[in-house]
C-alpha atoms as a PDB file:
ATOM      1  CA  MET A   1     -32.378  14.115 -13.135  1.00  0.00           C
ATOM      2  CA  ASN A   2     -31.867  10.386 -13.564  1.00  0.00           C
ATOM      3  CA  SER A   3     -28.739  10.879 -15.680  1.00  0.00           C
ATOM      4  CA  PHE A   4     -27.365  13.232 -13.000  1.00  0.00           C
ATOM      5  CA  LEU A   5     -27.723  10.503 -10.346  1.00  0.00           C
ATOM      6  CA  ILE A   6     -26.112   7.919 -12.599  1.00  0.00           C
ATOM      7  CA  GLY A   7     -23.189  10.287 -13.256  1.00  0.00           C
ATOM      8  CA  PHE A   8     -22.885  10.974  -9.538  1.00  0.00           C
ATOM      9  CA  ASP A   9     -22.886   7.239  -8.765  1.00  0.00           C
ATOM     10  CA  ILE A  10     -20.152   6.676 -11.340  1.00  0.00           C
ATOM     11  CA  LEU A  11     -18.071   9.496  -9.845  1.00  0.00           C
ATOM     12  CA  VAL A  12     -18.449   8.164  -6.290  1.00  0.00           C
ATOM     13  CA  THR A  13     -17.596   4.643  -7.461  1.00  0.00           C
ATOM     14  CA  PHE A  14     -14.505   5.935  -9.277  1.00  0.00           C
ATOM     15  CA  ILE A  15     -13.348   7.804  -6.169  1.00  0.00           C
ATOM     16  CA  LEU A  16     -13.835   4.727  -3.964  1.00  0.00           C
ATOM     17  CA  VAL A  17     -11.983   2.467  -6.407  1.00  0.00           C
ATOM     18  CA  PHE A  18      -9.144   4.995  -6.684  1.00  0.00           C
ATOM     19  CA  TRP A  19      -8.878   5.223  -2.881  1.00  0.00           C
ATOM     20  CA  LEU A  20      -8.926   1.425  -2.527  1.00  0.00           C
ATOM     21  CA  VAL A  21      -6.199   0.956  -5.152  1.00  0.00           C
ATOM     22  CA  THR A  22      -4.057   3.661  -3.517  1.00  0.00           C
ATOM     23  CA  TYR A  23      -4.540   2.056  -0.098  1.00  0.00           C
ATOM     24  CA  LEU A  24      -3.618  -1.411  -1.385  1.00  0.00           C
ATOM     25  CA  ILE A  25      -0.501  -0.135  -3.166  1.00  0.00           C
ATOM     26  CA  GLY A  26       0.642   1.601   0.031  1.00  0.00           C
ATOM     27  CA  ARG A  27      -0.032  -1.492   2.093  1.00  0.00           C
ATOM     28  CA  TYR A  28       1.903  -3.656  -0.370  1.00  0.00           C
ATOM     29  CA  ARG A  29       4.868  -1.278  -0.360  1.00  0.00           C
ATOM     30  CA  ARG A  30       4.922  -1.230   3.452  1.00  0.00           C
ATOM     31  CA  THR A  31       4.818  -5.006   3.799  1.00  0.00           C
ATOM     32  CA  HIS A  32       7.156  -5.706   0.872  1.00  0.00           C
ATOM     33  CA  TYR A  33       9.984  -3.384   1.902  1.00  0.00           C
ATOM     34  CA  ALA A  34       9.584  -2.978   5.657  1.00  0.00           C
ATOM     35  CA  THR A  35       8.155  -4.296   8.868  1.00  0.00           C
ATOM     36  CA  VAL A  36       5.613  -2.176  10.709  1.00  0.00           C
ATOM     37  CA  ILE A  37       6.427  -2.281  14.422  1.00  0.00           C
ATOM     38  CA  ASP A  38       4.529  -1.160  17.505  1.00  0.00           C
ATOM     39  CA  GLN A  39       5.758   1.428  19.988  1.00  0.00           C
ATOM     40  CA  ALA A  40       7.195  -1.078  22.454  1.00  0.00           C
ATOM     41  CA  THR A  41       9.288  -2.770  19.759  1.00  0.00           C
ATOM     42  CA  PHE A  42      10.315   0.615  18.381  1.00  0.00           C
ATOM     43  CA  GLN A  43      11.473   1.791  21.824  1.00  0.00           C
ATOM     44  CA  ALA A  44      13.287  -1.457  22.573  1.00  0.00           C
ATOM     45  CA  GLY A  45      15.305  -1.398  19.350  1.00  0.00           C
ATOM     46  CA  SER A  46      15.761   2.331  18.851  1.00  0.00           C
ATOM     47  CA  HIS A  47      19.022   2.540  20.828  1.00  0.00           C
ATOM     48  CA  LYS A  48      20.691   0.224  18.278  1.00  0.00           C
ATOM     49  CA  ALA A  49      18.959   1.565  15.163  1.00  0.00           C
ATOM     50  CA  GLN A  50      19.199   4.627  12.973  1.00  0.00           C
ATOM     51  CA  VAL A  51      16.005   6.478  13.938  1.00  0.00           C
ATOM     52  CA  ILE A  52      14.886   8.828  11.167  1.00  0.00           C
ATOM     53  CA  ASP A  53      12.157  11.456  11.459  1.00  0.00           C
ATOM     54  CA  LEU A  54      10.939  12.180   7.931  1.00  0.00           C
ATOM     55  CA  ARG A  55       8.896  15.261   8.848  1.00  0.00           C
ATOM     56  CA  GLN A  56       9.840  18.851   8.056  1.00  0.00           C
ATOM     57  CA  LYS A  57      12.284  20.628  10.393  1.00  0.00           C
ATOM     58  CA  ASP A  58       9.623  22.840  12.002  1.00  0.00           C
ATOM     59  CA  ALA A  59       7.563  19.786  13.008  1.00  0.00           C
ATOM     60  CA  PHE A  60      10.734  18.047  14.237  1.00  0.00           C
ATOM     61  CA  ASP A  61      11.680  21.089  16.340  1.00  0.00           C
ATOM     62  CA  LYS A  62       8.241  21.165  17.969  1.00  0.00           C
ATOM     63  CA  GLY A  63       8.726  17.610  19.166  1.00  0.00           C
ATOM     64  CA  HIS A  64      10.320  14.359  18.073  1.00  0.00           C
ATOM     65  CA  ILE A  65      11.118  10.916  19.392  1.00  0.00           C
ATOM     66  CA  LEU A  66      14.122  10.953  21.682  1.00  0.00           C
ATOM     67  CA  GLY A  67      17.251  10.012  19.713  1.00  0.00           C
ATOM     68  CA  ALA A  68      15.752  10.643  16.279  1.00  0.00           C
ATOM     69  CA  ARG A  69      17.605  12.358  13.478  1.00  0.00           C
ATOM     70  CA  ASN A  70      15.680  14.742  11.235  1.00  0.00           C
ATOM     71  CA  LEU A  71      15.963  13.830   7.581  1.00  0.00           C
ATOM     72  CA  PRO A  72      12.912  15.171   5.713  1.00  0.00           C
ATOM     73  CA  TYR A  73      11.736  12.869   2.943  1.00  0.00           C
ATOM     74  CA  GLN A  74      12.797  15.147   0.081  1.00  0.00           C
ATOM     75  CA  PHE A  75      16.355  15.276   1.499  1.00  0.00           C
ATOM     76  CA  LEU A  76      16.394  11.530   2.108  1.00  0.00           C
ATOM     77  CA  LYS A  77      16.433  11.016  -1.644  1.00  0.00           C
ATOM     78  CA  GLN A  78      19.685  12.990  -1.833  1.00  0.00           C
ATOM     79  CA  GLN A  79      21.318  11.844   1.403  1.00  0.00           C
ATOM     80  CA  TYR A  80      20.250   8.208   1.733  1.00  0.00           C
ATOM     81  CA  ARG A  81      23.864   7.087   1.374  1.00  0.00           C
ATOM     82  CA  ASP A  82      24.509   8.593   4.836  1.00  0.00           C
ATOM     83  CA  LEU A  83      22.462   5.710   6.257  1.00  0.00           C
ATOM     84  CA  ARG A  84      24.244   2.455   6.927  1.00  0.00           C
ATOM     85  CA  PRO A  85      22.569  -0.400   5.017  1.00  0.00           C
ATOM     86  CA  ASP A  86      23.920  -2.976   7.487  1.00  0.00           C
ATOM     87  CA  ARG A  87      22.055  -1.443  10.466  1.00  0.00           C
ATOM     88  CA  ASP A  88      18.345  -1.245  11.229  1.00  0.00           C
ATOM     89  CA  VAL A  89      16.635   1.900   9.986  1.00  0.00           C
ATOM     90  CA  TYR A  90      13.577   2.991  12.002  1.00  0.00           C
ATOM     91  CA  LEU A  91      11.451   5.509  10.127  1.00  0.00           C
ATOM     92  CA  TYR A  92       8.497   7.587  11.170  1.00  0.00           C
ATOM     93  CA  ASP A  93       6.458  10.581  10.097  1.00  0.00           C
ATOM     94  CA  ASP A  94       3.058  11.799  11.230  1.00  0.00           C
ATOM     95  CA  THR A  95       0.903   9.073   9.694  1.00  0.00           C
ATOM     96  CA  MET A  96       3.097   6.456   7.935  1.00  0.00           C
ATOM     97  CA  THR A  97       2.553   7.994   4.477  1.00  0.00           C
ATOM     98  CA  LEU A  98       6.074   9.383   4.025  1.00  0.00           C
ATOM     99  CA  SER A  99       7.549   6.334   5.739  1.00  0.00           C
ATOM    100  CA  THR A 100       5.897   4.082   3.186  1.00  0.00           C
ATOM    101  CA  SER A 101       7.409   6.066   0.310  1.00  0.00           C
ATOM    102  CA  ALA A 102      10.785   6.166   2.060  1.00  0.00           C
ATOM    103  CA  VAL A 103      11.000   2.402   2.617  1.00  0.00           C
ATOM    104  CA  ALA A 104      10.101   1.760  -1.025  1.00  0.00           C
ATOM    105  CA  PHE A 105      12.833   4.191  -2.094  1.00  0.00           C
ATOM    106  CA  LEU A 106      15.426   2.674   0.267  1.00  0.00           C
ATOM    107  CA  GLY A 107      14.348  -0.893  -0.442  1.00  0.00           C
ATOM    108  CA  ARG A 108      14.907  -0.423  -4.166  1.00  0.00           C
ATOM    109  CA  ARG A 109      18.438   0.705  -3.310  1.00  0.00           C
ATOM    110  CA  GLY A 110      19.319  -2.412  -1.357  1.00  0.00           C
ATOM    111  CA  TYR A 111      18.400  -1.500   2.218  1.00  0.00           C
ATOM    112  CA  LYS A 112      16.949  -4.555   3.935  1.00  0.00           C
ATOM    113  CA  HIS A 113      16.487  -3.730   7.639  1.00  0.00           C
ATOM    114  CA  LEU A 114      13.670  -1.178   7.382  1.00  0.00           C
ATOM    115  CA  TYR A 115      11.028  -0.600  10.054  1.00  0.00           C
ATOM    116  CA  ILE A 116       8.080   1.786  10.255  1.00  0.00           C
ATOM    117  CA  LEU A 117       6.495   3.011  13.476  1.00  0.00           C
ATOM    118  CA  ASP A 118       2.876   1.852  13.494  1.00  0.00           C
ATOM    119  CA  GLY A 119       0.589   4.878  13.482  1.00  0.00           C
ATOM    120  CA  GLY A 120       3.452   7.341  13.140  1.00  0.00           C
ATOM    121  CA  TYR A 121       4.345  10.180  15.464  1.00  0.00           C
ATOM    122  CA  THR A 122       0.734  11.262  15.985  1.00  0.00           C
ATOM    123  CA  LYS A 123       0.104   8.082  18.009  1.00  0.00           C
ATOM    124  CA  TRP A 124       3.466   8.098  19.829  1.00  0.00           C
ATOM    125  CA  THR A 125       3.193   8.072  23.640  1.00  0.00           C
ATOM    126  CA  GLY A 126       6.876   7.528  24.490  1.00  0.00           C
ATOM    127  CA  LYS A 127       9.575  10.036  25.356  1.00  0.00           C
ATOM    128  CA  THR A 128       9.930  13.086  23.151  1.00  0.00           C
ATOM    129  CA  LYS A 129      12.221  16.045  22.891  1.00  0.00           C
ATOM    130  CA  ALA A 130      11.613  19.557  21.542  1.00  0.00           C
ATOM    131  CA  ALA A 131      14.081  22.196  20.400  1.00  0.00           C
ATOM    132  CA  LYS A 132      15.029  24.725  23.110  1.00  0.00           C
ATOM    133  CA  PHE A 133      14.178  27.745  20.984  1.00  0.00           C
ATOM    134  CA  ASN A 134      10.809  27.103  19.449  1.00  0.00           C
END
């Protein structure tokens, strides 16, 4: 029984260390390649920026930030050249996970003006728009 508890403790410790390392890598990527901005800053600058919703089309159609363009993350990797590197790029998804990967991808390709919505779409309280036929 004692060896079972020791093995369980090692497993839990491994899981916690793995989670911590993953969290720190994500945090580094966000701060290295982009600036995380709050909703007020996002709203104030969105009329001049390229606002990109990285979620799947069905989630976008159910509701998205007014003025956003849907470019799911897997398509971003193929179509990133459609974005202007000289203009601000505002990115969001549900929880900042895809946005973090997207800014690392874009940052490695020379994009400098990258911003992530703090908390993602799930915490958004501003204006939204949904597709007419949902």
